[in-house]
Amino acid sequence: MKRNEHDLPLALLRRRHTLEAPDSSHWTCKLGPVTLRLPNFVWRQKAIDAHDLHHVITGYPLTLRGEIQLAAWEWGAGRYPDWRATLFCSPLILLGAMTMPRRTYRAYRRGTRMQSLYPKD
């Protein structure tokens, strides 16, 4: 099996945070004391490697605050080209605009100066 240059950072991130494999049928989302088990749709499976690498690149943590900032960054840098991914991230952007507007806006502006790893439309 040929190693990809991104394999090591992804493996470390996933092991450190006990994340499911990208092709798992479900994934776990923790919101404070609440843990949700959500279906891992095909569009999410295709996007998750790049999304997780975006965490590594930007340094935004795998917390609610970090996911909000990363969603804003991805909107600036280039979202995953599937309307369901955009719909999925929209509440994060809205929550960020209401609870941490400066951080959310800074993350978006930072993204506009970079390019995401997602494929173009």
PDB file of N, CA and C in Angstrom:
ATOM      1  N   MET A   1       0.843  -1.179   0.000  1.00  0.00           N
ATOM      2  CA  MET A   1       0.000   0.000   0.000  1.00  0.00           C
ATOM      3  C   MET A   1       0.888   1.240   0.000  1.00  0.00           C
ATOM      4  N   LYS A   2       0.635   2.153  -0.910  1.00  0.00           N
ATOM      5  CA  LYS A   2       1.419   3.374  -1.014  1.00  0.00           C
ATOM      6  C   LYS A   2       0.973   4.364   0.055  1.00  0.00           C
ATOM      7  N   ARG A   3       1.938   4.921   0.764  1.00  0.00           N
ATOM      8  CA  ARG A   3       1.631   5.904   1.811  1.00  0.00           C
ATOM      9  C   ARG A   3       1.429   7.275   1.191  1.00  0.00           C
ATOM     10  N   ASN A   4       0.432   7.951   1.659  1.00  0.00           N
ATOM     11  CA  ASN A   4       0.129   9.313   1.245  1.00  0.00           C
ATOM     12  C   ASN A   4       0.815  10.245   2.238  1.00  0.00           C
ATOM     13  N   GLU A   5       1.280  11.391   1.799  1.00  0.00           N
ATOM     14  CA  GLU A   5       1.964  12.326   2.698  1.00  0.00           C
ATOM     15  C   GLU A   5       1.050  12.818   3.815  1.00  0.00           C
ATOM     16  N   HIS A   6      -0.269  12.693   3.631  1.00  0.00           N
ATOM     17  CA  HIS A   6      -1.222  13.152   4.641  1.00  0.00           C
ATOM     18  C   HIS A   6      -1.607  12.058   5.629  1.00  0.00           C
ATOM     19  N   ASP A   7      -1.185  10.813   5.390  1.00  0.00           N
ATOM     20  CA  ASP A   7      -1.597   9.701   6.246  1.00  0.00           C
ATOM     21  C   ASP A   7      -1.197   9.911   7.706  1.00  0.00           C
ATOM     22  N   LEU A   8       0.016  10.336   7.950  1.00  0.00           N
ATOM     23  CA  LEU A   8       0.500  10.478   9.321  1.00  0.00           C
ATOM     24  C   LEU A   8      -0.260  11.534  10.113  1.00  0.00           C
ATOM     25  N   PRO A   9      -0.412  12.774   9.617  1.00  0.00           N
ATOM     26  CA  PRO A   9      -1.177  13.754  10.407  1.00  0.00           C
ATOM     27  C   PRO A   9      -2.617  13.311  10.653  1.00  0.00           C
ATOM     28  N   LEU A  10      -3.239  12.697   9.656  1.00  0.00           N
ATOM     29  CA  LEU A  10      -4.616  12.229   9.837  1.00  0.00           C
ATOM     30  C   LEU A  10      -4.685  11.118  10.867  1.00  0.00           C
ATOM     31  N   ALA A  11      -3.778  10.174  10.788  1.00  0.00           N
ATOM     32  CA  ALA A  11      -3.769   9.061  11.743  1.00  0.00           C
ATOM     33  C   ALA A  11      -3.564   9.574  13.164  1.00  0.00           C
ATOM     34  N   LEU A  12      -2.645  10.512  13.336  1.00  0.00           N
ATOM     35  CA  LEU A  12      -2.401  11.077  14.663  1.00  0.00           C
ATOM     36  C   LEU A  12      -3.620  11.815  15.189  1.00  0.00           C
ATOM     37  N   LEU A  13      -4.235  12.632  14.346  1.00  0.00           N
ATOM     38  CA  LEU A  13      -5.420  13.378  14.748  1.00  0.00           C
ATOM     39  C   LEU A  13      -6.551  12.427  15.138  1.00  0.00           C
ATOM     40  N   ARG A  14      -6.782  11.434  14.308  1.00  0.00           N
ATOM     41  CA  ARG A  14      -7.891  10.504  14.577  1.00  0.00           C
ATOM     42  C   ARG A  14      -7.640   9.659  15.808  1.00  0.00           C
ATOM     43  N   ARG A  15      -6.402   9.252  16.013  1.00  0.00           N
ATOM     44  CA  ARG A  15      -6.086   8.455  17.204  1.00  0.00           C
ATOM     45  C   ARG A  15      -6.196   9.314  18.468  1.00  0.00           C
ATOM     46  N   ARG A  16      -5.682  10.525  18.424  1.00  0.00           N
ATOM     47  CA  ARG A  16      -5.708  11.424  19.571  1.00  0.00           C
ATOM     48  C   ARG A  16      -7.143  11.742  20.006  1.00  0.00           C
ATOM     49  N   HIS A  17      -8.047  11.827  19.037  1.00  0.00           N
ATOM     50  CA  HIS A  17      -9.428  12.214  19.342  1.00  0.00           C
ATOM     51  C   HIS A  17     -10.406  11.049  19.213  1.00  0.00           C
ATOM     52  N   THR A  18      -9.882   9.844  19.072  1.00  0.00           N
ATOM     53  CA  THR A  18     -10.693   8.623  18.914  1.00  0.00           C
ATOM     54  C   THR A  18     -11.833   8.816  17.922  1.00  0.00           C
ATOM     55  N   LEU A  19     -11.475   9.261  16.723  1.00  0.00           N
ATOM     56  CA  LEU A  19     -12.454   9.473  15.662  1.00  0.00           C
ATOM     57  C   LEU A  19     -12.681   8.177  14.893  1.00  0.00           C
ATOM     58  N   GLU A  20     -13.892   8.010  14.399  1.00  0.00           N
ATOM     59  CA  GLU A  20     -14.224   6.852  13.596  1.00  0.00           C
ATOM     60  C   GLU A  20     -13.506   6.916  12.253  1.00  0.00           C
ATOM     61  N   ALA A  21     -13.382   5.777  11.607  1.00  0.00           N
ATOM     62  CA  ALA A  21     -12.805   5.731  10.263  1.00  0.00           C
ATOM     63  C   ALA A  21     -13.711   6.510   9.308  1.00  0.00           C
ATOM     64  N   PRO A  22     -13.132   7.130   8.284  1.00  0.00           N
ATOM     65  CA  PRO A  22     -13.933   7.935   7.367  1.00  0.00           C
ATOM     66  C   PRO A  22     -15.080   7.175   6.696  1.00  0.00           C
ATOM     67  N   ASP A  23     -14.925   5.865   6.512  1.00  0.00           N
ATOM     68  CA  ASP A  23     -15.971   5.097   5.834  1.00  0.00           C
ATOM     69  C   ASP A  23     -16.898   4.357   6.801  1.00  0.00           C
ATOM     70  N   SER A  24     -16.858   4.717   8.077  1.00  0.00           N
ATOM     71  CA  SER A  24     -17.774   4.115   9.050  1.00  0.00           C
ATOM     72  C   SER A  24     -19.220   4.456   8.697  1.00  0.00           C
ATOM     73  N   SER A  25     -20.141   3.623   9.127  1.00  0.00           N
ATOM     74  CA  SER A  25     -21.551   3.873   8.824  1.00  0.00           C
ATOM     75  C   SER A  25     -22.116   5.014   9.669  1.00  0.00           C
ATOM     76  N   HIS A  26     -21.510   5.296  10.826  1.00  0.00           N
ATOM     77  CA  HIS A  26     -21.958   6.363  11.714  1.00  0.00           C
ATOM     78  C   HIS A  26     -20.757   7.123  12.264  1.00  0.00           C
ATOM     79  N   TRP A  27     -21.010   8.294  12.804  1.00  0.00           N
ATOM     80  CA  TRP A  27     -19.971   9.066  13.484  1.00  0.00           C
ATOM     81  C   TRP A  27     -20.575   9.680  14.730  1.00  0.00           C
ATOM     82  N   THR A  28     -19.709  10.007  15.674  1.00  0.00           N
ATOM     83  CA  THR A  28     -20.142  10.517  16.968  1.00  0.00           C
ATOM     84  C   THR A  28     -19.877  12.011  17.053  1.00  0.00           C
ATOM     85  N   CYS A  29     -20.878  12.739  17.511  1.00  0.00           N
ATOM     86  CA  CYS A  29     -20.776  14.181  17.693  1.00  0.00           C
ATOM     87  C   CYS A  29     -21.077  14.478  19.157  1.00  0.00           C
ATOM     88  N   LYS A  30     -20.130  15.113  19.850  1.00  0.00           N
ATOM     89  CA  LYS A  30     -20.318  15.459  21.256  1.00  0.00           C
ATOM     90  C   LYS A  30     -20.583  16.949  21.385  1.00  0.00           C
ATOM     91  N   LEU A  31     -21.707  17.275  22.000  1.00  0.00           N
ATOM     92  CA  LEU A  31     -22.068  18.665  22.267  1.00  0.00           C
ATOM     93  C   LEU A  31     -22.252  18.817  23.766  1.00  0.00           C
ATOM     94  N   GLY A  32     -21.174  19.193  24.437  1.00  0.00           N
ATOM     95  CA  GLY A  32     -21.215  19.268  25.898  1.00  0.00           C
ATOM     96  C   GLY A  32     -21.469  17.879  26.461  1.00  0.00           C
ATOM     97  N   PRO A  33     -22.485  17.745  27.307  1.00  0.00           N
ATOM     98  CA  PRO A  33     -22.765  16.439  27.908  1.00  0.00           C
ATOM     99  C   PRO A  33     -23.541  15.490  26.990  1.00  0.00           C
ATOM    100  N   VAL A  34     -23.976  15.992  25.837  1.00  0.00           N
ATOM    101  CA  VAL A  34     -24.797  15.201  24.918  1.00  0.00           C
ATOM    102  C   VAL A  34     -23.914  14.581  23.835  1.00  0.00           C
ATOM    103  N   THR A  35     -24.087  13.282  23.607  1.00  0.00           N
ATOM    104  CA  THR A  35     -23.381  12.586  22.542  1.00  0.00           C
ATOM    105  C   THR A  35     -24.404  12.082  21.533  1.00  0.00           C
ATOM    106  N   LEU A  36     -24.209  12.463  20.279  1.00  0.00           N
ATOM    107  CA  LEU A  36     -25.104  12.048  19.210  1.00  0.00           C
ATOM    108  C   LEU A  36     -24.394  11.062  18.298  1.00  0.00           C
ATOM    109  N   ARG A  37     -25.095  10.037  17.890  1.00  0.00           N
ATOM    110  CA  ARG A  37     -24.576   9.087  16.894  1.00  0.00           C
ATOM    111  C   ARG A  37     -25.324   9.369  15.602  1.00  0.00           C
ATOM    112  N   LEU A  38     -24.594   9.871  14.604  1.00  0.00           N
ATOM    113  CA  LEU A  38     -25.201  10.334  13.362  1.00  0.00           C
ATOM    114  C   LEU A  38     -24.783   9.460  12.188  1.00  0.00           C
ATOM    115  N   PRO A  39     -25.650   9.335  11.184  1.00  0.00           N
ATOM    116  CA  PRO A  39     -25.258   8.560   9.997  1.00  0.00           C
ATOM    117  C   PRO A  39     -24.129   9.260   9.251  1.00  0.00           C
ATOM    118  N   ASN A  40     -23.235   8.479   8.713  1.00  0.00           N
ATOM    119  CA  ASN A  40     -22.091   8.999   7.968  1.00  0.00           C
ATOM    120  C   ASN A  40     -22.419   8.906   6.474  1.00  0.00           C
ATOM    121  N   PHE A  41     -23.075   9.930   5.974  1.00  0.00           N
ATOM    122  CA  PHE A  41     -23.512   9.943   4.582  1.00  0.00           C
ATOM    123  C   PHE A  41     -22.318   9.886   3.632  1.00  0.00           C
ATOM    124  N   VAL A  42     -22.561   9.411   2.412  1.00  0.00           N
ATOM    125  CA  VAL A  42     -21.492   9.271   1.424  1.00  0.00           C
ATOM    126  C   VAL A  42     -20.800  10.610   1.168  1.00  0.00           C
ATOM    127  N   TRP A  43     -21.562  11.704   1.069  1.00  0.00           N
ATOM    128  CA  TRP A  43     -20.924  13.004   0.828  1.00  0.00           C
ATOM    129  C   TRP A  43     -19.980  13.366   1.972  1.00  0.00           C
ATOM    130  N   ARG A  44     -20.330  12.998   3.211  1.00  0.00           N
ATOM    131  CA  ARG A  44     -19.465  13.278   4.357  1.00  0.00           C
ATOM    132  C   ARG A  44     -18.218  12.394   4.305  1.00  0.00           C
ATOM    133  N   GLN A  45     -18.401  11.132   3.935  1.00  0.00           N
ATOM    134  CA  GLN A  45     -17.255  10.226   3.825  1.00  0.00           C
ATOM    135  C   GLN A  45     -16.230  10.753   2.822  1.00  0.00           C
ATOM    136  N   LYS A  46     -16.727  11.344   1.730  1.00  0.00           N
ATOM    137  CA  LYS A  46     -15.821  11.883   0.707  1.00  0.00           C
ATOM    138  C   LYS A  46     -15.121  13.160   1.164  1.00  0.00           C
ATOM    139  N   ALA A  47     -15.737  13.882   2.082  1.00  0.00           N
ATOM    140  CA  ALA A  47     -15.199  15.176   2.513  1.00  0.00           C
ATOM    141  C   ALA A  47     -14.328  15.095   3.760  1.00  0.00           C
ATOM    142  N   ILE A  48     -14.461  14.046   4.550  1.00  0.00           N
ATOM    143  CA  ILE A  48     -13.890  14.055   5.907  1.00  0.00           C
ATOM    144  C   ILE A  48     -12.363  14.095   5.942  1.00  0.00           C
ATOM    145  N   ASP A  49     -11.680  13.444   4.997  1.00  0.00           N
ATOM    146  CA  ASP A  49     -10.212  13.509   5.011  1.00  0.00           C
ATOM    147  C   ASP A  49      -9.736  14.954   4.872  1.00  0.00           C
ATOM    148  N   ALA A  50     -10.282  15.663   3.885  1.00  0.00           N
ATOM    149  CA  ALA A  50      -9.877  17.063   3.689  1.00  0.00           C
ATOM    150  C   ALA A  50     -10.288  17.905   4.895  1.00  0.00           C
ATOM    151  N   HIS A  51     -11.495  17.676   5.421  1.00  0.00           N
ATOM    152  CA  HIS A  51     -11.953  18.437   6.590  1.00  0.00           C
ATOM    153  C   HIS A  51     -10.999  18.234   7.768  1.00  0.00           C
ATOM    154  N   ASP A  52     -10.646  16.983   8.024  1.00  0.00           N
ATOM    155  CA  ASP A  52      -9.734  16.710   9.143  1.00  0.00           C
ATOM    156  C   ASP A  52      -8.357  17.315   8.906  1.00  0.00           C
ATOM    157  N   LEU A  53      -7.887  17.281   7.659  1.00  0.00           N
ATOM    158  CA  LEU A  53      -6.606  17.940   7.349  1.00  0.00           C
ATOM    159  C   LEU A  53      -6.704  19.450   7.523  1.00  0.00           C
ATOM    160  N   HIS A  54      -7.867  20.002   7.271  1.00  0.00           N
ATOM    161  CA  HIS A  54      -8.050  21.437   7.519  1.00  0.00           C
ATOM    162  C   HIS A  54      -7.857  21.757   9.003  1.00  0.00           C
ATOM    163  N   HIS A  55      -8.291  20.851   9.886  1.00  0.00           N
ATOM    164  CA  HIS A  55      -8.030  21.048  11.320  1.00  0.00           C
ATOM    165  C   HIS A  55      -6.533  21.082  11.577  1.00  0.00           C
ATOM    166  N   VAL A  56      -5.797  20.171  10.948  1.00  0.00           N
ATOM    167  CA  VAL A  56      -4.345  20.117  11.134  1.00  0.00           C
ATOM    168  C   VAL A  56      -3.695  21.394  10.605  1.00  0.00           C
ATOM    169  N   ILE A  57      -4.102  21.820   9.424  1.00  0.00           N
ATOM    170  CA  ILE A  57      -3.515  23.001   8.770  1.00  0.00           C
ATOM    171  C   ILE A  57      -3.805  24.284   9.547  1.00  0.00           C
ATOM    172  N   THR A  58      -5.060  24.445   9.972  1.00  0.00           N
ATOM    173  CA  THR A  58      -5.464  25.703  10.618  1.00  0.00           C
ATOM    174  C   THR A  58      -5.167  25.731  12.112  1.00  0.00           C
ATOM    175  N   GLY A  59      -5.106  24.558  12.717  1.00  0.00           N
ATOM    176  CA  GLY A  59      -4.924  24.500  14.163  1.00  0.00           C
ATOM    177  C   GLY A  59      -6.212  24.654  14.949  1.00  0.00           C
ATOM    178  N   TYR A  60      -7.349  24.740  14.275  1.00  0.00           N
ATOM    179  CA  TYR A  60      -8.619  24.837  14.995  1.00  0.00           C
ATOM    180  C   TYR A  60      -8.905  23.492  15.659  1.00  0.00           C
ATOM    181  N   PRO A  61      -9.214  23.505  16.949  1.00  0.00           N
ATOM    182  CA  PRO A  61      -9.381  22.251  17.692  1.00  0.00           C
ATOM    183  C   PRO A  61     -10.688  21.523  17.340  1.00  0.00           C
ATOM    184  N   LEU A  62     -10.764  20.278  17.738  1.00  0.00           N
ATOM    185  CA  LEU A  62     -11.968  19.479  17.527  1.00  0.00           C
ATOM    186  C   LEU A  62     -12.915  19.684  18.704  1.00  0.00           C
ATOM    187  N   THR A  63     -13.379  20.910  18.817  1.00  0.00           N
ATOM    188  CA  THR A  63     -14.350  21.306  19.833  1.00  0.00           C
ATOM    189  C   THR A  63     -15.462  22.042  19.089  1.00  0.00           C
ATOM    190  N   LEU A  64     -16.540  22.359  19.777  1.00  0.00           N
ATOM    191  CA  LEU A  64     -17.606  23.107  19.120  1.00  0.00           C
ATOM    192  C   LEU A  64     -17.072  24.440  18.594  1.00  0.00           C
ATOM    193  N   ARG A  65     -16.304  25.142  19.407  1.00  0.00           N
ATOM    194  CA  ARG A  65     -15.716  26.415  18.966  1.00  0.00           C
ATOM    195  C   ARG A  65     -14.817  26.207  17.747  1.00  0.00           C
ATOM    196  N   GLY A  66     -13.999  25.165  17.779  1.00  0.00           N
ATOM    197  CA  GLY A  66     -13.109  24.871  16.659  1.00  0.00           C
ATOM    198  C   GLY A  66     -13.863  24.489  15.394  1.00  0.00           C
ATOM    199  N   GLU A  67     -14.950  23.744  15.543  1.00  0.00           N
ATOM    200  CA  GLU A  67     -15.755  23.363  14.370  1.00  0.00           C
ATOM    201  C   GLU A  67     -16.437  24.586  13.766  1.00  0.00           C
ATOM    202  N   ILE A  68     -16.871  25.507  14.610  1.00  0.00           N
ATOM    203  CA  ILE A  68     -17.458  26.754  14.109  1.00  0.00           C
ATOM    204  C   ILE A  68     -16.409  27.540  13.324  1.00  0.00           C
ATOM    205  N   GLN A  69     -15.226  27.680  13.900  1.00  0.00           N
ATOM    206  CA  GLN A  69     -14.168  28.421  13.220  1.00  0.00           C
ATOM    207  C   GLN A  69     -13.764  27.730  11.918  1.00  0.00           C
ATOM    208  N   LEU A  70     -13.688  26.403  11.947  1.00  0.00           N
ATOM    209  CA  LEU A  70     -13.295  25.695  10.731  1.00  0.00           C
ATOM    210  C   LEU A  70     -14.383  25.808   9.666  1.00  0.00           C
ATOM    211  N   ALA A  71     -15.644  25.756  10.057  1.00  0.00           N
ATOM    212  CA  ALA A  71     -16.727  25.938   9.086  1.00  0.00           C
ATOM    213  C   ALA A  71     -16.618  27.311   8.436  1.00  0.00           C
ATOM    214  N   ALA A  72     -16.336  28.342   9.231  1.00  0.00           N
ATOM    215  CA  ALA A  72     -16.176  29.695   8.679  1.00  0.00           C
ATOM    216  C   ALA A  72     -14.954  29.752   7.767  1.00  0.00           C
ATOM    217  N   TRP A  73     -13.863  29.138   8.200  1.00  0.00           N
ATOM    218  CA  TRP A  73     -12.644  29.104   7.377  1.00  0.00           C
ATOM    219  C   TRP A  73     -12.938  28.418   6.045  1.00  0.00           C
ATOM    220  N   GLU A  74     -13.637  27.281   6.095  1.00  0.00           N
ATOM    221  CA  GLU A  74     -13.942  26.548   4.865  1.00  0.00           C
ATOM    222  C   GLU A  74     -14.856  27.353   3.940  1.00  0.00           C
ATOM    223  N   TRP A  75     -15.752  28.147   4.503  1.00  0.00           N
ATOM    224  CA  TRP A  75     -16.596  29.001   3.661  1.00  0.00           C
ATOM    225  C   TRP A  75     -15.724  30.017   2.933  1.00  0.00           C
ATOM    226  N   GLY A  76     -14.701  30.500   3.597  1.00  0.00           N
ATOM    227  CA  GLY A  76     -13.806  31.458   2.953  1.00  0.00           C
ATOM    228  C   GLY A  76     -12.850  30.804   1.977  1.00  0.00           C
ATOM    229  N   ALA A  77     -12.332  29.638   2.318  1.00  0.00           N
ATOM    230  CA  ALA A  77     -11.316  28.964   1.512  1.00  0.00           C
ATOM    231  C   ALA A  77     -11.908  28.117   0.395  1.00  0.00           C
ATOM    232  N   GLY A  78     -13.145  27.714   0.549  1.00  0.00           N
ATOM    233  CA  GLY A  78     -13.807  26.875  -0.459  1.00  0.00           C
ATOM    234  C   GLY A  78     -14.493  25.698   0.199  1.00  0.00           C
ATOM    235  N   ARG A  79     -15.820  25.738   0.209  1.00  0.00           N
ATOM    236  CA  ARG A  79     -16.609  24.675   0.837  1.00  0.00           C
ATOM    237  C   ARG A  79     -16.578  23.409   0.000  1.00  0.00           C
ATOM    238  N   TYR A  80     -16.958  22.299   0.654  1.00  0.00           N
ATOM    239  CA  TYR A  80     -17.123  21.045  -0.077  1.00  0.00           C
ATOM    240  C   TYR A  80     -18.277  21.238  -1.057  1.00  0.00           C
ATOM    241  N   PRO A  81     -18.091  20.880  -2.330  1.00  0.00           N
ATOM    242  CA  PRO A  81     -19.082  21.223  -3.357  1.00  0.00           C
ATOM    243  C   PRO A  81     -20.315  20.309  -3.384  1.00  0.00           C
ATOM    244  N   ASP A  82     -20.957  20.170  -2.273  1.00  0.00           N
ATOM    245  CA  ASP A  82     -22.205  19.410  -2.194  1.00  0.00           C
ATOM    246  C   ASP A  82     -23.166  20.236  -1.351  1.00  0.00           C
ATOM    247  N   TRP A  83     -24.353  20.479  -1.852  1.00  0.00           N
ATOM    248  CA  TRP A  83     -25.305  21.343  -1.157  1.00  0.00           C
ATOM    249  C   TRP A  83     -25.624  20.831   0.239  1.00  0.00           C
ATOM    250  N   ARG A  84     -25.565  19.509   0.450  1.00  0.00           N
ATOM    251  CA  ARG A  84     -25.867  18.967   1.776  1.00  0.00           C
ATOM    252  C   ARG A  84     -24.780  19.324   2.781  1.00  0.00           C
ATOM    253  N   ALA A  85     -23.534  19.378   2.332  1.00  0.00           N
ATOM    254  CA  ALA A  85     -22.445  19.795   3.214  1.00  0.00           C
ATOM    255  C   ALA A  85     -22.617  21.261   3.604  1.00  0.00           C
ATOM    256  N   THR A  86     -22.992  22.089   2.644  1.00  0.00           N
ATOM    257  CA  THR A  86     -23.239  23.502   2.927  1.00  0.00           C
ATOM    258  C   THR A  86     -24.394  23.649   3.907  1.00  0.00           C
ATOM    259  N   LEU A  87     -25.457  22.901   3.681  1.00  0.00           N
ATOM    260  CA  LEU A  87     -26.612  22.931   4.580  1.00  0.00           C
ATOM    261  C   LEU A  87     -26.231  22.458   5.980  1.00  0.00           C
ATOM    262  N   PHE A  88     -25.389  21.445   6.057  1.00  0.00           N
ATOM    263  CA  PHE A  88     -24.951  20.891   7.333  1.00  0.00           C
ATOM    264  C   PHE A  88     -24.129  21.903   8.125  1.00  0.00           C
ATOM    265  N   CYS A  89     -23.286  22.681   7.438  1.00  0.00           N
ATOM    266  CA  CYS A  89     -22.402  23.638   8.120  1.00  0.00           C
ATOM    267  C   CYS A  89     -23.062  24.986   8.399  1.00  0.00           C
ATOM    268  N   SER A  90     -24.148  25.282   7.732  1.00  0.00           N
ATOM    269  CA  SER A  90     -24.799  26.583   7.903  1.00  0.00           C
ATOM    270  C   SER A  90     -25.172  26.900   9.355  1.00  0.00           C
ATOM    271  N   PRO A  91     -25.739  25.949  10.115  1.00  0.00           N
ATOM    272  CA  PRO A  91     -26.043  26.270  11.512  1.00  0.00           C
ATOM    273  C   PRO A  91     -24.797  26.611  12.339  1.00  0.00           C
ATOM    274  N   LEU A  92     -23.660  26.010  12.003  1.00  0.00           N
ATOM    275  CA  LEU A  92     -22.424  26.349  12.713  1.00  0.00           C
ATOM    276  C   LEU A  92     -22.039  27.800  12.461  1.00  0.00           C
ATOM    277  N   ILE A  93     -22.155  28.238  11.216  1.00  0.00           N
ATOM    278  CA  ILE A  93     -21.838  29.627  10.870  1.00  0.00           C
ATOM    279  C   ILE A  93     -22.783  30.567  11.616  1.00  0.00           C
ATOM    280  N   LEU A  94     -24.059  30.248  11.619  1.00  0.00           N
ATOM    281  CA  LEU A  94     -25.050  31.068  12.316  1.00  0.00           C
ATOM    282  C   LEU A  94     -24.762  31.115  13.814  1.00  0.00           C
ATOM    283  N   LEU A  95     -24.479  29.956  14.406  1.00  0.00           N
ATOM    284  CA  LEU A  95     -24.151  29.903  15.834  1.00  0.00           C
ATOM    285  C   LEU A  95     -22.907  30.736  16.128  1.00  0.00           C
ATOM    286  N   GLY A  96     -21.912  30.633  15.265  1.00  0.00           N
ATOM    287  CA  GLY A  96     -20.700  31.425  15.445  1.00  0.00           C
ATOM    288  C   GLY A  96     -20.964  32.918  15.333  1.00  0.00           C
ATOM    289  N   ALA A  97     -21.811  33.306  14.380  1.00  0.00           N
ATOM    290  CA  ALA A  97     -22.146  34.729  14.221  1.00  0.00           C
ATOM    291  C   ALA A  97     -22.855  35.268  15.458  1.00  0.00           C
ATOM    292  N   MET A  98     -23.618  34.417  16.120  1.00  0.00           N
ATOM    293  CA  MET A  98     -24.358  34.864  17.306  1.00  0.00           C
ATOM    294  C   MET A  98     -23.522  34.804  18.588  1.00  0.00           C
ATOM    295  N   THR A  99     -22.653  33.809  18.725  1.00  0.00           N
ATOM    296  CA  THR A  99     -21.959  33.603  19.998  1.00  0.00           C
ATOM    297  C   THR A  99     -20.512  34.074  20.007  1.00  0.00           C
ATOM    298  N   MET A 100     -19.872  34.090  18.868  1.00  0.00           N
ATOM    299  CA  MET A 100     -18.476  34.526  18.791  1.00  0.00           C
ATOM    300  C   MET A 100     -18.226  35.168  17.426  1.00  0.00           C
ATOM    301  N   PRO A 101     -18.882  36.297  17.187  1.00  0.00           N
ATOM    302  CA  PRO A 101     -18.839  36.903  15.851  1.00  0.00           C
ATOM    303  C   PRO A 101     -17.440  37.298  15.378  1.00  0.00           C
ATOM    304  N   ARG A 102     -16.621  37.817  16.258  1.00  0.00           N
ATOM    305  CA  ARG A 102     -15.272  38.236  15.837  1.00  0.00           C
ATOM    306  C   ARG A 102     -14.421  37.052  15.418  1.00  0.00           C
ATOM    307  N   ARG A 103     -14.427  36.005  16.228  1.00  0.00           N
ATOM    308  CA  ARG A 103     -13.644  34.805  15.895  1.00  0.00           C
ATOM    309  C   ARG A 103     -14.134  34.168  14.605  1.00  0.00           C
ATOM    310  N   THR A 104     -15.455  34.126  14.442  1.00  0.00           N
ATOM    311  CA  THR A 104     -16.036  33.529  13.243  1.00  0.00           C
ATOM    312  C   THR A 104     -15.644  34.335  12.009  1.00  0.00           C
ATOM    313  N   TYR A 105     -15.745  35.636  12.100  1.00  0.00           N
ATOM    314  CA  TYR A 105     -15.388  36.486  10.972  1.00  0.00           C
ATOM    315  C   TYR A 105     -13.886  36.391  10.659  1.00  0.00           C
ATOM    316  N   ARG A 106     -13.053  36.384  11.704  1.00  0.00           N
ATOM    317  CA  ARG A 106     -11.606  36.250  11.481  1.00  0.00           C
ATOM    318  C   ARG A 106     -11.273  34.939  10.790  1.00  0.00           C
ATOM    319  N   ALA A 107     -11.943  33.858  11.201  1.00  0.00           N
ATOM    320  CA  ALA A 107     -11.709  32.564  10.569  1.00  0.00           C
ATOM    321  C   ALA A 107     -12.122  32.598   9.096  1.00  0.00           C
ATOM    322  N   TYR A 108     -13.265  33.226   8.814  1.00  0.00           N
ATOM    323  CA  TYR A 108     -13.715  33.364   7.427  1.00  0.00           C
ATOM    324  C   TYR A 108     -12.693  34.165   6.615  1.00  0.00           C
ATOM    325  N   ARG A 109     -12.263  35.308   7.141  1.00  0.00           N
ATOM    326  CA  ARG A 109     -11.285  36.151   6.427  1.00  0.00           C
ATOM    327  C   ARG A 109      -9.978  35.405   6.205  1.00  0.00           C
ATOM    328  N   ARG A 110      -9.547  34.653   7.202  1.00  0.00           N
ATOM    329  CA  ARG A 110      -8.324  33.852   7.051  1.00  0.00           C
ATOM    330  C   ARG A 110      -8.499  32.868   5.900  1.00  0.00           C
ATOM    331  N   GLY A 111      -9.678  32.255   5.822  1.00  0.00           N
ATOM    332  CA  GLY A 111      -9.955  31.304   4.747  1.00  0.00           C
ATOM    333  C   GLY A 111      -9.923  31.932   3.368  1.00  0.00           C
ATOM    334  N   THR A 112     -10.342  33.190   3.264  1.00  0.00           N
ATOM    335  CA  THR A 112     -10.350  33.838   1.947  1.00  0.00           C
ATOM    336  C   THR A 112      -8.941  34.048   1.409  1.00  0.00           C
ATOM    337  N   ARG A 113      -7.953  33.956   2.262  1.00  0.00           N
ATOM    338  CA  ARG A 113      -6.558  34.108   1.826  1.00  0.00           C
ATOM    339  C   ARG A 113      -5.883  32.763   1.587  1.00  0.00           C
ATOM    340  N   MET A 114      -6.664  31.685   1.709  1.00  0.00           N
ATOM    341  CA  MET A 114      -6.120  30.334   1.543  1.00  0.00           C
ATOM    342  C   MET A 114      -7.030  29.553   0.592  1.00  0.00           C
ATOM    343  N   GLN A 115      -6.656  28.314   0.347  1.00  0.00           N
ATOM    344  CA  GLN A 115      -7.477  27.457  -0.512  1.00  0.00           C
ATOM    345  C   GLN A 115      -7.695  26.143   0.196  1.00  0.00           C
ATOM    346  N   SER A 116      -8.945  25.693   0.220  1.00  0.00           N
ATOM    347  CA  SER A 116      -9.251  24.421   0.870  1.00  0.00           C
ATOM    348  C   SER A 116      -8.737  23.262   0.025  1.00  0.00           C
ATOM    349  N   LEU A 117      -8.749  22.091   0.606  1.00  0.00           N
ATOM    350  CA  LEU A 117      -8.345  20.872  -0.086  1.00  0.00           C
ATOM    351  C   LEU A 117      -9.517  20.195  -0.790  1.00  0.00           C
ATOM    352  N   TYR A 118     -10.696  20.785  -0.693  1.00  0.00           N
ATOM    353  CA  TYR A 118     -11.871  20.202  -1.356  1.00  0.00           C
ATOM    354  C   TYR A 118     -11.762  20.384  -2.864  1.00  0.00           C
ATOM    355  N   PRO A 119     -12.356  19.449  -3.617  1.00  0.00           N
ATOM    356  CA  PRO A 119     -12.364  19.630  -5.074  1.00  0.00           C
ATOM    357  C   PRO A 119     -13.249  20.815  -5.453  1.00  0.00           C
ATOM    358  N   LYS A 120     -12.976  21.394  -6.575  1.00  0.00           N
ATOM    359  CA  LYS A 120     -13.791  22.509  -7.084  1.00  0.00           C
ATOM    360  C   LYS A 120     -15.096  21.947  -7.633  1.00  0.00           C
ATOM    361  N   ASP A 121     -16.102  22.822  -7.725  1.00  0.00           N
ATOM    362  CA  ASP A 121     -17.403  22.408  -8.283  1.00  0.00           C
ATOM    363  C   ASP A 121     -17.245  21.785  -9.652  1.00  0.00           C
TER     364      ASP A 121
END
